Amino acid sequence: MNIENELFDLKNELVKMGTFVENNLRDTFKGIADKDRELLKKVARNDIKTDEFEKEIEDRSLRILVTLSPKAGDFRVVTSVLKMITDLERIGDQTEDIAEICEDINFEKMDFELPLLKKMFDTVGKMLSDSIDAFVSGDIDLVKNIDAMDDIVDDTFLELRVKVVGRIKEGYDPELQLDLIQIGKYVERIGDHAENIAEWVVYENTGTHPYFERTDL
């Protein structure tokens, strides 16, 4: 086994998993916006494939660690990949959760909240896309605005929650409104995972994890 070739294959598998999860995330909002329950069922089923990606990449990573004893930069690549697949798998879980919430949701009564959900989905989608692009290119400047984008997601979720509470007070279907809050919360968590991925990309390229550089801890 040649470590350069093994790492090349490992990174390719990570990119495949990231692209798959990214497309699944995009389809989640498309299913909601288009009121397409069949697409949302497909999103839910796709979590199995996400889990398979995680297991395959984890096995490959551990094999590299055990048989090739990577040093320094190579070790950072493997450990970063192991961390990133965990966050990607959790994003897969959350898109599945959103899709399952939508199995019985009344799409006809939720158009009012769609612009806020779209803003959240678009932002976390860009966060994830930029993180994967940075991993591929090694250009960490691509993720320099990740924190700011995560703040946008958090602020938009708060705005969504305020509007939903207001609509409940106005007599709108409380079950639907609570479903919308839950969907928004899952998207907010996806943003957190995308931010985690970006931070591990920075670690892989610099040896420094942004979390441990923060002064607000």
N, C-alpha and C. Protein backbone atom coordinates (compact mmCIF):
# COMPACT_ATOMS: atom_id res chain seq x y z
N MET A 1 0.84 -1.20 0.00
CA MET A 1 0.00 0.00 0.00
C MET A 1 0.87 1.25 0.00
N ASN A 2 0.56 2.17 -0.87
CA ASN A 2 1.27 3.44 -0.96
C ASN A 2 0.42 4.52 -0.30
N ILE A 3 1.00 5.24 0.68
CA ILE A 3 0.18 6.17 1.46
C ILE A 3 -0.37 7.31 0.62
N GLU A 4 0.42 7.77 -0.37
CA GLU A 4 -0.07 8.86 -1.23
C GLU A 4 -1.32 8.43 -1.99
N ASN A 5 -1.27 7.23 -2.54
CA ASN A 5 -2.43 6.72 -3.28
C ASN A 5 -3.63 6.49 -2.36
N GLU A 6 -3.36 5.97 -1.16
CA GLU A 6 -4.44 5.71 -0.22
C GLU A 6 -5.11 7.01 0.22
N LEU A 7 -4.31 8.03 0.47
CA LEU A 7 -4.87 9.31 0.88
C LEU A 7 -5.66 9.96 -0.25
N PHE A 8 -5.16 9.81 -1.47
CA PHE A 8 -5.87 10.34 -2.64
C PHE A 8 -7.24 9.69 -2.74
N ASP A 9 -7.29 8.36 -2.60
CA ASP A 9 -8.56 7.65 -2.68
C ASP A 9 -9.48 8.02 -1.52
N LEU A 10 -8.88 8.19 -0.34
CA LEU A 10 -9.67 8.57 0.83
C LEU A 10 -10.34 9.92 0.63
N LYS A 11 -9.59 10.89 0.14
CA LYS A 11 -10.14 12.22 -0.09
C LYS A 11 -11.22 12.19 -1.17
N ASN A 12 -11.01 11.36 -2.19
CA ASN A 12 -12.03 11.24 -3.24
C ASN A 12 -13.34 10.70 -2.67
N GLU A 13 -13.23 9.72 -1.76
CA GLU A 13 -14.44 9.16 -1.16
C GLU A 13 -15.14 10.20 -0.29
N LEU A 14 -14.36 11.00 0.41
CA LEU A 14 -14.97 12.06 1.23
C LEU A 14 -15.73 13.05 0.35
N VAL A 15 -15.14 13.41 -0.78
CA VAL A 15 -15.79 14.35 -1.69
C VAL A 15 -17.08 13.74 -2.25
N LYS A 16 -17.06 12.46 -2.58
CA LYS A 16 -18.27 11.79 -3.06
C LYS A 16 -19.37 11.84 -2.01
N MET A 17 -19.00 11.56 -0.76
CA MET A 17 -19.98 11.60 0.32
C MET A 17 -20.51 13.02 0.51
N GLY A 18 -19.60 14.00 0.49
CA GLY A 18 -20.01 15.39 0.66
C GLY A 18 -20.94 15.85 -0.44
N THR A 19 -20.65 15.46 -1.67
CA THR A 19 -21.50 15.83 -2.81
C THR A 19 -22.87 15.18 -2.70
N PHE A 20 -22.88 13.92 -2.27
CA PHE A 20 -24.15 13.20 -2.11
C PHE A 20 -25.02 13.88 -1.05
N VAL A 21 -24.42 14.22 0.08
CA VAL A 21 -25.16 14.89 1.16
C VAL A 21 -25.63 16.27 0.72
N GLU A 22 -24.76 16.98 -0.01
CA GLU A 22 -25.11 18.31 -0.51
C GLU A 22 -26.33 18.24 -1.44
N ASN A 23 -26.34 17.27 -2.34
CA ASN A 23 -27.47 17.11 -3.25
C ASN A 23 -28.74 16.72 -2.50
N ASN A 24 -28.57 15.89 -1.48
CA ASN A 24 -29.72 15.48 -0.67
C ASN A 24 -30.33 16.66 0.08
N LEU A 25 -29.45 17.53 0.57
CA LEU A 25 -29.91 18.75 1.25
C LEU A 25 -30.69 19.63 0.29
N ARG A 26 -30.17 19.78 -0.92
CA ARG A 26 -30.85 20.60 -1.93
C ARG A 26 -32.23 20.01 -2.26
N ASP A 27 -32.29 18.68 -2.38
CA ASP A 27 -33.56 18.02 -2.69
C ASP A 27 -34.57 18.14 -1.56
N THR A 28 -34.07 18.26 -0.33
CA THR A 28 -34.98 18.40 0.81
C THR A 28 -35.81 19.67 0.67
N PHE A 29 -35.15 20.79 0.39
CA PHE A 29 -35.93 22.02 0.23
C PHE A 29 -36.76 21.99 -1.05
N LYS A 30 -36.21 21.42 -2.11
CA LYS A 30 -36.97 21.33 -3.36
C LYS A 30 -38.26 20.53 -3.14
N GLY A 31 -38.16 19.45 -2.35
CA GLY A 31 -39.35 18.66 -2.06
C GLY A 31 -40.39 19.47 -1.31
N ILE A 32 -39.92 20.31 -0.37
CA ILE A 32 -40.84 21.15 0.39
C ILE A 32 -41.45 22.22 -0.52
N ALA A 33 -40.61 22.92 -1.26
CA ALA A 33 -41.08 24.03 -2.10
C ALA A 33 -42.03 23.55 -3.20
N ASP A 34 -41.74 22.37 -3.76
CA ASP A 34 -42.55 21.82 -4.85
C ASP A 34 -43.69 20.95 -4.34
N LYS A 35 -43.77 20.80 -3.00
CA LYS A 35 -44.80 19.93 -2.40
C LYS A 35 -44.70 18.50 -2.96
N ASP A 36 -43.46 18.05 -3.12
CA ASP A 36 -43.17 16.77 -3.78
C ASP A 36 -42.88 15.71 -2.72
N ARG A 37 -43.90 14.99 -2.32
CA ARG A 37 -43.72 14.00 -1.26
C ARG A 37 -42.85 12.82 -1.72
N GLU A 38 -42.92 12.48 -3.00
CA GLU A 38 -42.10 11.37 -3.49
C GLU A 38 -40.61 11.71 -3.40
N LEU A 39 -40.26 12.96 -3.73
CA LEU A 39 -38.86 13.38 -3.62
C LEU A 39 -38.42 13.34 -2.17
N LEU A 40 -39.30 13.74 -1.26
CA LEU A 40 -38.96 13.73 0.15
C LEU A 40 -38.80 12.30 0.68
N LYS A 41 -39.59 11.38 0.16
CA LYS A 41 -39.41 9.97 0.53
C LYS A 41 -38.04 9.47 0.06
N LYS A 42 -37.63 9.91 -1.12
CA LYS A 42 -36.31 9.54 -1.63
C LYS A 42 -35.21 10.10 -0.73
N VAL A 43 -35.39 11.35 -0.28
CA VAL A 43 -34.43 11.96 0.65
C VAL A 43 -34.29 11.09 1.90
N ALA A 44 -35.42 10.67 2.45
CA ALA A 44 -35.39 9.84 3.66
C ALA A 44 -34.67 8.52 3.41
N ARG A 45 -34.93 7.90 2.27
CA ARG A 45 -34.28 6.62 1.95
C ARG A 45 -32.77 6.80 1.76
N ASN A 46 -32.37 7.96 1.29
CA ASN A 46 -30.95 8.20 1.00
C ASN A 46 -30.07 8.18 2.24
N ASP A 47 -30.68 8.25 3.42
CA ASP A 47 -29.86 8.21 4.63
C ASP A 47 -29.10 6.90 4.75
N ILE A 48 -29.66 5.84 4.20
CA ILE A 48 -28.97 4.54 4.21
C ILE A 48 -27.65 4.65 3.44
N LYS A 49 -27.69 5.31 2.30
CA LYS A 49 -26.49 5.48 1.48
C LYS A 49 -25.46 6.35 2.22
N THR A 50 -25.93 7.38 2.91
CA THR A 50 -25.03 8.22 3.69
C THR A 50 -24.32 7.40 4.76
N ASP A 51 -25.06 6.53 5.43
CA ASP A 51 -24.47 5.66 6.45
C ASP A 51 -23.43 4.72 5.83
N GLU A 52 -23.72 4.23 4.63
CA GLU A 52 -22.78 3.34 3.95
C GLU A 52 -21.48 4.07 3.61
N PHE A 53 -21.61 5.32 3.15
CA PHE A 53 -20.42 6.13 2.89
C PHE A 53 -19.59 6.27 4.16
N GLU A 54 -20.25 6.59 5.26
CA GLU A 54 -19.52 6.79 6.52
C GLU A 54 -18.75 5.54 6.92
N LYS A 55 -19.41 4.38 6.84
CA LYS A 55 -18.77 3.13 7.25
C LYS A 55 -17.58 2.81 6.35
N GLU A 56 -17.75 2.98 5.04
CA GLU A 56 -16.67 2.67 4.10
C GLU A 56 -15.47 3.59 4.33
N ILE A 57 -15.72 4.88 4.51
CA ILE A 57 -14.62 5.83 4.70
C ILE A 57 -13.96 5.62 6.06
N GLU A 58 -14.74 5.32 7.05
CA GLU A 58 -14.17 5.04 8.38
C GLU A 58 -13.25 3.82 8.33
N ASP A 59 -13.70 2.75 7.66
CA ASP A 59 -12.86 1.55 7.53
C ASP A 59 -11.57 1.86 6.79
N ARG A 60 -11.68 2.63 5.72
CA ARG A 60 -10.49 2.98 4.93
C ARG A 60 -9.52 3.81 5.77
N SER A 61 -10.07 4.75 6.54
CA SER A 61 -9.23 5.62 7.37
C SER A 61 -8.49 4.82 8.44
N LEU A 62 -9.21 3.93 9.10
CA LEU A 62 -8.59 3.14 10.16
C LEU A 62 -7.53 2.20 9.60
N ARG A 63 -7.77 1.69 8.41
CA ARG A 63 -6.77 0.83 7.77
C ARG A 63 -5.49 1.60 7.49
N ILE A 64 -5.63 2.84 7.06
CA ILE A 64 -4.45 3.68 6.82
C ILE A 64 -3.70 3.93 8.12
N LEU A 65 -4.44 4.25 9.18
CA LEU A 65 -3.80 4.53 10.47
C LEU A 65 -3.06 3.32 11.01
N VAL A 66 -3.65 2.14 10.86
CA VAL A 66 -3.07 0.93 11.44
C VAL A 66 -1.91 0.38 10.61
N THR A 67 -2.07 0.40 9.30
CA THR A 67 -1.07 -0.29 8.45
C THR A 67 0.02 0.63 7.91
N LEU A 68 -0.23 1.93 7.82
CA LEU A 68 0.74 2.83 7.19
C LEU A 68 1.37 3.83 8.17
N SER A 69 0.84 3.91 9.38
CA SER A 69 1.39 4.81 10.40
C SER A 69 1.73 6.20 9.84
N PRO A 70 0.72 6.92 9.35
CA PRO A 70 0.97 8.23 8.74
C PRO A 70 1.55 9.22 9.75
N LYS A 71 2.37 10.11 9.25
CA LYS A 71 3.01 11.10 10.10
C LYS A 71 2.50 12.50 9.77
N ALA A 72 2.52 13.37 10.77
CA ALA A 72 2.26 14.82 10.64
C ALA A 72 1.09 15.12 9.72
N GLY A 73 1.38 15.73 8.54
CA GLY A 73 0.33 16.20 7.64
C GLY A 73 -0.59 15.09 7.18
N ASP A 74 -0.04 13.91 6.91
CA ASP A 74 -0.87 12.78 6.48
C ASP A 74 -1.81 12.34 7.59
N PHE A 75 -1.33 12.37 8.82
CA PHE A 75 -2.17 12.02 9.96
C PHE A 75 -3.32 13.02 10.10
N ARG A 76 -3.02 14.29 9.86
CA ARG A 76 -4.07 15.32 9.94
C ARG A 76 -5.16 15.08 8.91
N VAL A 77 -4.77 14.64 7.72
CA VAL A 77 -5.76 14.37 6.68
C VAL A 77 -6.72 13.29 7.17
N VAL A 78 -6.18 12.19 7.69
CA VAL A 78 -7.01 11.05 8.10
C VAL A 78 -7.92 11.43 9.26
N THR A 79 -7.35 12.07 10.28
CA THR A 79 -8.17 12.44 11.44
C THR A 79 -9.25 13.46 11.06
N SER A 80 -8.92 14.39 10.16
CA SER A 80 -9.92 15.37 9.72
C SER A 80 -11.05 14.69 8.96
N VAL A 81 -10.70 13.75 8.10
CA VAL A 81 -11.72 13.02 7.35
C VAL A 81 -12.65 12.26 8.31
N LEU A 82 -12.08 11.62 9.33
CA LEU A 82 -12.89 10.89 10.30
C LEU A 82 -13.88 11.82 11.01
N LYS A 83 -13.45 13.03 11.32
CA LYS A 83 -14.34 14.00 11.95
C LYS A 83 -15.40 14.50 10.98
N MET A 84 -14.99 14.76 9.74
CA MET A 84 -15.94 15.32 8.77
C MET A 84 -17.04 14.35 8.40
N ILE A 85 -16.72 13.06 8.31
CA ILE A 85 -17.77 12.10 7.93
C ILE A 85 -18.82 11.98 9.03
N THR A 86 -18.43 12.22 10.28
CA THR A 86 -19.40 12.21 11.36
C THR A 86 -20.42 13.33 11.17
N ASP A 87 -19.92 14.53 10.83
CA ASP A 87 -20.84 15.65 10.61
C ASP A 87 -21.67 15.45 9.36
N LEU A 88 -21.08 14.89 8.31
CA LEU A 88 -21.86 14.63 7.10
C LEU A 88 -22.97 13.61 7.38
N GLU A 89 -22.65 12.59 8.17
CA GLU A 89 -23.66 11.58 8.49
C GLU A 89 -24.80 12.20 9.28
N ARG A 90 -24.47 13.13 10.18
CA ARG A 90 -25.51 13.78 10.97
C ARG A 90 -26.38 14.70 10.12
N ILE A 91 -25.77 15.34 9.12
CA ILE A 91 -26.58 16.12 8.18
C ILE A 91 -27.56 15.20 7.46
N GLY A 92 -27.07 14.01 7.09
CA GLY A 92 -27.95 13.02 6.47
C GLY A 92 -29.11 12.64 7.38
N ASP A 93 -28.82 12.46 8.67
CA ASP A 93 -29.89 12.15 9.63
C ASP A 93 -30.92 13.27 9.68
N GLN A 94 -30.43 14.51 9.65
CA GLN A 94 -31.35 15.64 9.81
C GLN A 94 -32.19 15.88 8.55
N THR A 95 -31.63 15.63 7.37
CA THR A 95 -32.48 15.72 6.18
C THR A 95 -33.53 14.62 6.20
N GLU A 96 -33.15 13.45 6.70
CA GLU A 96 -34.14 12.37 6.84
C GLU A 96 -35.24 12.79 7.82
N ASP A 97 -34.85 13.38 8.94
CA ASP A 97 -35.84 13.83 9.93
C ASP A 97 -36.80 14.86 9.32
N ILE A 98 -36.26 15.80 8.56
CA ILE A 98 -37.10 16.82 7.92
C ILE A 98 -38.07 16.16 6.95
N ALA A 99 -37.55 15.22 6.15
CA ALA A 99 -38.40 14.54 5.17
C ALA A 99 -39.52 13.77 5.86
N GLU A 100 -39.24 13.16 6.99
CA GLU A 100 -40.26 12.40 7.70
C GLU A 100 -41.32 13.32 8.32
N ILE A 101 -40.90 14.48 8.80
CA ILE A 101 -41.87 15.46 9.30
C ILE A 101 -42.85 15.83 8.19
N CYS A 102 -42.34 15.91 6.96
CA CYS A 102 -43.14 16.37 5.83
C CYS A 102 -44.07 15.30 5.25
N GLU A 103 -44.02 14.09 5.80
CA GLU A 103 -44.88 13.02 5.28
C GLU A 103 -46.36 13.41 5.37
N ASP A 104 -46.74 14.07 6.47
CA ASP A 104 -48.15 14.39 6.68
C ASP A 104 -48.40 15.89 6.81
N ILE A 105 -47.41 16.70 6.47
CA ILE A 105 -47.55 18.14 6.66
C ILE A 105 -48.51 18.73 5.62
N ASN A 106 -49.20 19.79 5.99
CA ASN A 106 -50.13 20.45 5.08
C ASN A 106 -49.36 21.53 4.30
N PHE A 107 -48.85 21.15 3.14
CA PHE A 107 -48.04 22.07 2.34
C PHE A 107 -48.81 23.31 1.93
N GLU A 108 -50.11 23.18 1.73
CA GLU A 108 -50.90 24.28 1.20
C GLU A 108 -50.95 25.47 2.16
N LYS A 109 -50.68 25.23 3.43
CA LYS A 109 -50.80 26.29 4.43
C LYS A 109 -49.46 26.82 4.92
N MET A 110 -48.36 26.45 4.24
CA MET A 110 -47.06 26.85 4.76
C MET A 110 -46.29 27.79 3.84
N ASP A 111 -46.92 28.32 2.82
CA ASP A 111 -46.22 29.20 1.88
C ASP A 111 -45.68 30.46 2.56
N PHE A 112 -46.36 30.91 3.61
CA PHE A 112 -45.96 32.14 4.30
C PHE A 112 -44.54 32.03 4.85
N GLU A 113 -44.16 30.84 5.32
CA GLU A 113 -42.85 30.65 5.94
C GLU A 113 -41.77 30.23 4.94
N LEU A 114 -42.13 29.91 3.70
CA LEU A 114 -41.16 29.38 2.74
C LEU A 114 -39.96 30.30 2.50
N PRO A 115 -40.14 31.63 2.38
CA PRO A 115 -38.96 32.48 2.14
C PRO A 115 -37.92 32.37 3.25
N LEU A 116 -38.35 32.26 4.50
CA LEU A 116 -37.39 32.12 5.60
C LEU A 116 -36.70 30.76 5.55
N LEU A 117 -37.47 29.71 5.28
CA LEU A 117 -36.86 28.39 5.15
C LEU A 117 -35.88 28.36 3.98
N LYS A 118 -36.27 29.00 2.87
CA LYS A 118 -35.38 29.03 1.71
C LYS A 118 -34.06 29.72 2.05
N LYS A 119 -34.14 30.83 2.78
CA LYS A 119 -32.92 31.54 3.17
C LYS A 119 -32.03 30.64 4.02
N MET A 120 -32.63 29.90 4.94
CA MET A 120 -31.85 28.99 5.78
C MET A 120 -31.23 27.86 4.97
N PHE A 121 -32.03 27.23 4.14
CA PHE A 121 -31.52 26.12 3.31
C PHE A 121 -30.42 26.61 2.36
N ASP A 122 -30.64 27.76 1.73
CA ASP A 122 -29.63 28.28 0.80
C ASP A 122 -28.31 28.57 1.52
N THR A 123 -28.40 29.11 2.72
CA THR A 123 -27.19 29.48 3.46
C THR A 123 -26.43 28.24 3.92
N VAL A 124 -27.13 27.26 4.50
CA VAL A 124 -26.42 26.05 4.94
C VAL A 124 -25.89 25.27 3.74
N GLY A 125 -26.61 25.34 2.62
CA GLY A 125 -26.12 24.68 1.41
C GLY A 125 -24.81 25.29 0.92
N LYS A 126 -24.73 26.60 0.99
CA LYS A 126 -23.48 27.27 0.59
C LYS A 126 -22.37 26.97 1.58
N MET A 127 -22.70 26.94 2.86
CA MET A 127 -21.70 26.60 3.87
C MET A 127 -21.09 25.23 3.59
N LEU A 128 -21.95 24.27 3.29
CA LEU A 128 -21.47 22.91 3.01
C LEU A 128 -20.68 22.85 1.72
N SER A 129 -21.20 23.51 0.68
CA SER A 129 -20.51 23.52 -0.62
C SER A 129 -19.13 24.17 -0.51
N ASP A 130 -19.06 25.30 0.17
CA ASP A 130 -17.77 25.99 0.33
C ASP A 130 -16.78 25.14 1.12
N SER A 131 -17.27 24.43 2.11
CA SER A 131 -16.40 23.57 2.92
C SER A 131 -15.82 22.43 2.09
N ILE A 132 -16.66 21.80 1.27
CA ILE A 132 -16.18 20.71 0.42
C ILE A 132 -15.20 21.24 -0.62
N ASP A 133 -15.51 22.41 -1.19
CA ASP A 133 -14.61 23.02 -2.18
C ASP A 133 -13.25 23.34 -1.55
N ALA A 134 -13.28 23.82 -0.31
CA ALA A 134 -12.03 24.14 0.39
C ALA A 134 -11.23 22.88 0.67
N PHE A 135 -11.92 21.80 0.98
CA PHE A 135 -11.25 20.52 1.21
C PHE A 135 -10.56 20.04 -0.05
N VAL A 136 -11.24 20.18 -1.18
CA VAL A 136 -10.68 19.74 -2.46
C VAL A 136 -9.48 20.59 -2.87
N SER A 137 -9.62 21.91 -2.74
CA SER A 137 -8.60 22.83 -3.26
C SER A 137 -7.51 23.16 -2.26
N GLY A 138 -7.81 22.99 -0.97
CA GLY A 138 -6.86 23.42 0.06
C GLY A 138 -6.88 24.92 0.29
N ASP A 139 -7.84 25.62 -0.32
CA ASP A 139 -7.94 27.07 -0.19
C ASP A 139 -8.88 27.40 0.96
N ILE A 140 -8.31 27.64 2.14
CA ILE A 140 -9.16 27.87 3.32
C ILE A 140 -9.82 29.24 3.31
N ASP A 141 -9.42 30.11 2.38
CA ASP A 141 -10.12 31.39 2.24
C ASP A 141 -11.58 31.18 1.87
N LEU A 142 -11.88 30.02 1.27
CA LEU A 142 -13.25 29.72 0.87
C LEU A 142 -14.18 29.60 2.07
N VAL A 143 -13.61 29.33 3.24
CA VAL A 143 -14.46 29.15 4.42
C VAL A 143 -14.26 30.27 5.46
N LYS A 144 -13.65 31.36 5.05
CA LYS A 144 -13.38 32.43 6.01
C LYS A 144 -14.66 33.11 6.49
N ASN A 145 -15.75 32.99 5.73
CA ASN A 145 -17.01 33.62 6.13
C ASN A 145 -18.00 32.64 6.74
N ILE A 146 -17.54 31.44 7.09
CA ILE A 146 -18.44 30.42 7.62
C ILE A 146 -19.14 30.88 8.89
N ASP A 147 -18.40 31.50 9.80
CA ASP A 147 -19.01 31.97 11.04
C ASP A 147 -20.13 32.96 10.77
N ALA A 148 -19.89 33.88 9.85
CA ALA A 148 -20.90 34.89 9.52
C ALA A 148 -22.14 34.23 8.91
N MET A 149 -21.93 33.24 8.05
CA MET A 149 -23.06 32.55 7.45
C MET A 149 -23.85 31.77 8.50
N ASP A 150 -23.15 31.16 9.45
CA ASP A 150 -23.85 30.45 10.51
C ASP A 150 -24.68 31.41 11.35
N ASP A 151 -24.18 32.63 11.56
CA ASP A 151 -24.95 33.65 12.28
C ASP A 151 -26.23 33.99 11.52
N ILE A 152 -26.14 34.04 10.19
CA ILE A 152 -27.33 34.31 9.37
C ILE A 152 -28.37 33.21 9.58
N VAL A 153 -27.91 31.97 9.59
CA VAL A 153 -28.82 30.84 9.81
C VAL A 153 -29.49 30.95 11.18
N ASP A 154 -28.68 31.23 12.21
CA ASP A 154 -29.22 31.34 13.57
C ASP A 154 -30.24 32.48 13.66
N ASP A 155 -29.90 33.63 13.08
CA ASP A 155 -30.80 34.79 13.14
C ASP A 155 -32.10 34.53 12.37
N THR A 156 -31.99 33.85 11.25
CA THR A 156 -33.18 33.55 10.45
C THR A 156 -34.07 32.56 11.16
N PHE A 157 -33.46 31.60 11.86
CA PHE A 157 -34.26 30.66 12.65
C PHE A 157 -35.03 31.39 13.75
N LEU A 158 -34.38 32.33 14.40
CA LEU A 158 -35.07 33.11 15.43
C LEU A 158 -36.23 33.90 14.84
N GLU A 159 -36.01 34.45 13.65
CA GLU A 159 -37.08 35.19 12.96
C GLU A 159 -38.24 34.25 12.62
N LEU A 160 -37.90 33.06 12.14
CA LEU A 160 -38.93 32.07 11.82
C LEU A 160 -39.72 31.71 13.08
N ARG A 161 -39.03 31.52 14.17
CA ARG A 161 -39.70 31.13 15.43
C ARG A 161 -40.66 32.21 15.90
N VAL A 162 -40.24 33.47 15.82
CA VAL A 162 -41.10 34.58 16.23
C VAL A 162 -42.36 34.62 15.36
N LYS A 163 -42.19 34.44 14.06
CA LYS A 163 -43.35 34.48 13.15
C LYS A 163 -44.30 33.31 13.43
N VAL A 164 -43.71 32.13 13.68
CA VAL A 164 -44.54 30.96 13.95
C VAL A 164 -45.35 31.15 15.23
N VAL A 165 -44.71 31.64 16.28
CA VAL A 165 -45.42 31.89 17.54
C VAL A 165 -46.55 32.90 17.31
N GLY A 166 -46.27 33.92 16.51
CA GLY A 166 -47.30 34.91 16.20
C GLY A 166 -48.48 34.30 15.48
N ARG A 167 -48.21 33.39 14.56
CA ARG A 167 -49.29 32.76 13.80
C ARG A 167 -50.11 31.82 14.69
N ILE A 168 -49.46 31.17 15.64
CA ILE A 168 -50.21 30.34 16.58
C ILE A 168 -51.17 31.20 17.39
N LYS A 169 -50.69 32.37 17.83
CA LYS A 169 -51.54 33.30 18.59
C LYS A 169 -52.70 33.81 17.75
N GLU A 170 -52.49 33.88 16.43
CA GLU A 170 -53.54 34.35 15.53
C GLU A 170 -54.54 33.26 15.20
N GLY A 171 -54.30 32.03 15.68
CA GLY A 171 -55.25 30.96 15.47
C GLY A 171 -54.92 30.01 14.35
N TYR A 172 -53.73 30.14 13.76
CA TYR A 172 -53.33 29.21 12.70
C TYR A 172 -53.05 27.82 13.30
N ASP A 173 -53.12 26.81 12.45
CA ASP A 173 -52.91 25.42 12.85
C ASP A 173 -51.64 25.26 13.69
N PRO A 174 -51.76 25.00 14.99
CA PRO A 174 -50.57 24.92 15.84
C PRO A 174 -49.67 23.74 15.49
N GLU A 175 -50.26 22.62 15.05
CA GLU A 175 -49.45 21.45 14.71
C GLU A 175 -48.51 21.76 13.55
N LEU A 176 -49.05 22.43 12.52
CA LEU A 176 -48.22 22.82 11.38
C LEU A 176 -47.12 23.78 11.82
N GLN A 177 -47.47 24.74 12.64
CA GLN A 177 -46.49 25.74 13.06
C GLN A 177 -45.37 25.10 13.88
N LEU A 178 -45.70 24.14 14.73
CA LEU A 178 -44.68 23.45 15.51
C LEU A 178 -43.79 22.59 14.60
N ASP A 179 -44.39 22.00 13.56
CA ASP A 179 -43.59 21.26 12.58
C ASP A 179 -42.58 22.18 11.90
N LEU A 180 -43.02 23.40 11.59
CA LEU A 180 -42.13 24.36 10.93
C LEU A 180 -40.97 24.76 11.84
N ILE A 181 -41.25 24.93 13.12
CA ILE A 181 -40.17 25.22 14.07
C ILE A 181 -39.18 24.07 14.11
N GLN A 182 -39.70 22.84 14.11
CA GLN A 182 -38.82 21.67 14.16
C GLN A 182 -37.96 21.58 12.91
N ILE A 183 -38.57 21.85 11.74
CA ILE A 183 -37.80 21.85 10.50
C ILE A 183 -36.70 22.90 10.56
N GLY A 184 -37.07 24.11 11.01
CA GLY A 184 -36.08 25.17 11.13
C GLY A 184 -34.95 24.80 12.07
N LYS A 185 -35.28 24.12 13.17
CA LYS A 185 -34.25 23.72 14.13
C LYS A 185 -33.29 22.71 13.51
N TYR A 186 -33.82 21.78 12.73
CA TYR A 186 -32.95 20.82 12.06
C TYR A 186 -32.01 21.52 11.07
N VAL A 187 -32.54 22.51 10.34
CA VAL A 187 -31.69 23.23 9.39
C VAL A 187 -30.61 24.02 10.14
N GLU A 188 -30.99 24.59 11.27
CA GLU A 188 -30.01 25.31 12.09
C GLU A 188 -28.89 24.37 12.55
N ARG A 189 -29.23 23.14 12.90
CA ARG A 189 -28.22 22.16 13.30
C ARG A 189 -27.34 21.77 12.11
N ILE A 190 -27.93 21.69 10.93
CA ILE A 190 -27.14 21.40 9.73
C ILE A 190 -26.07 22.47 9.54
N GLY A 191 -26.45 23.73 9.80
CA GLY A 191 -25.47 24.81 9.71
C GLY A 191 -24.32 24.59 10.68
N ASP A 192 -24.62 24.12 11.89
CA ASP A 192 -23.56 23.85 12.87
C ASP A 192 -22.62 22.76 12.36
N HIS A 193 -23.18 21.73 11.76
CA HIS A 193 -22.33 20.64 11.24
C HIS A 193 -21.48 21.11 10.06
N ALA A 194 -22.07 21.96 9.20
CA ALA A 194 -21.30 22.50 8.08
C ALA A 194 -20.14 23.35 8.60
N GLU A 195 -20.39 24.10 9.67
CA GLU A 195 -19.32 24.90 10.28
C GLU A 195 -18.23 24.00 10.85
N ASN A 196 -18.63 22.89 11.48
CA ASN A 196 -17.66 21.94 11.99
C ASN A 196 -16.76 21.40 10.88
N ILE A 197 -17.38 21.06 9.75
CA ILE A 197 -16.62 20.54 8.61
C ILE A 197 -15.60 21.56 8.15
N ALA A 198 -16.03 22.82 8.05
CA ALA A 198 -15.10 23.88 7.63
C ALA A 198 -13.92 23.98 8.60
N GLU A 199 -14.19 23.85 9.88
CA GLU A 199 -13.12 23.96 10.87
C GLU A 199 -12.12 22.82 10.76
N TRP A 200 -12.62 21.62 10.42
CA TRP A 200 -11.69 20.50 10.23
C TRP A 200 -10.89 20.64 8.94
N VAL A 201 -11.47 21.30 7.94
CA VAL A 201 -10.70 21.60 6.73
C VAL A 201 -9.54 22.55 7.07
N VAL A 202 -9.83 23.55 7.88
CA VAL A 202 -8.77 24.47 8.31
C VAL A 202 -7.69 23.72 9.07
N TYR A 203 -8.11 22.83 9.97
CA TYR A 203 -7.13 22.05 10.74
C TYR A 203 -6.26 21.19 9.82
N GLU A 204 -6.91 20.55 8.85
CA GLU A 204 -6.14 19.69 7.93
C GLU A 204 -5.05 20.47 7.22
N ASN A 205 -5.34 21.71 6.85
CA ASN A 205 -4.41 22.50 6.06
C ASN A 205 -3.41 23.30 6.89
N THR A 206 -3.75 23.59 8.14
CA THR A 206 -2.89 24.46 8.94
C THR A 206 -2.34 23.81 10.20
N GLY A 207 -2.99 22.74 10.65
CA GLY A 207 -2.59 22.13 11.91
C GLY A 207 -3.20 22.82 13.11
N THR A 208 -4.01 23.84 12.89
CA THR A 208 -4.66 24.59 13.96
C THR A 208 -6.17 24.52 13.79
N HIS A 209 -6.88 24.14 14.86
CA HIS A 209 -8.34 24.07 14.80
C HIS A 209 -8.91 25.38 15.32
N PRO A 210 -9.77 26.05 14.54
CA PRO A 210 -10.31 27.36 14.95
C PRO A 210 -10.99 27.35 16.31
N TYR A 211 -11.58 26.23 16.70
CA TYR A 211 -12.28 26.17 17.99
C TYR A 211 -11.34 26.50 19.14
N PHE A 212 -10.13 26.00 19.06
CA PHE A 212 -9.20 26.17 20.16
C PHE A 212 -8.49 27.54 20.11
N GLU A 213 -8.78 28.29 19.04
CA GLU A 213 -8.22 29.64 18.92
C GLU A 213 -9.19 30.71 19.41
N ARG A 214 -10.42 30.31 19.72
CA ARG A 214 -11.42 31.28 20.13
C ARG A 214 -11.10 31.84 21.51
N THR A 215 -11.46 33.09 21.70
CA THR A 215 -11.21 33.75 22.97
C THR A 215 -12.46 33.84 23.84
N ASP A 216 -13.59 33.29 23.30
CA ASP A 216 -14.84 33.39 24.04
C ASP A 216 -15.21 32.10 24.75
N LEU A 217 -14.25 31.17 24.82
CA LEU A 217 -14.55 29.89 25.44
C LEU A 217 -14.43 29.98 26.97
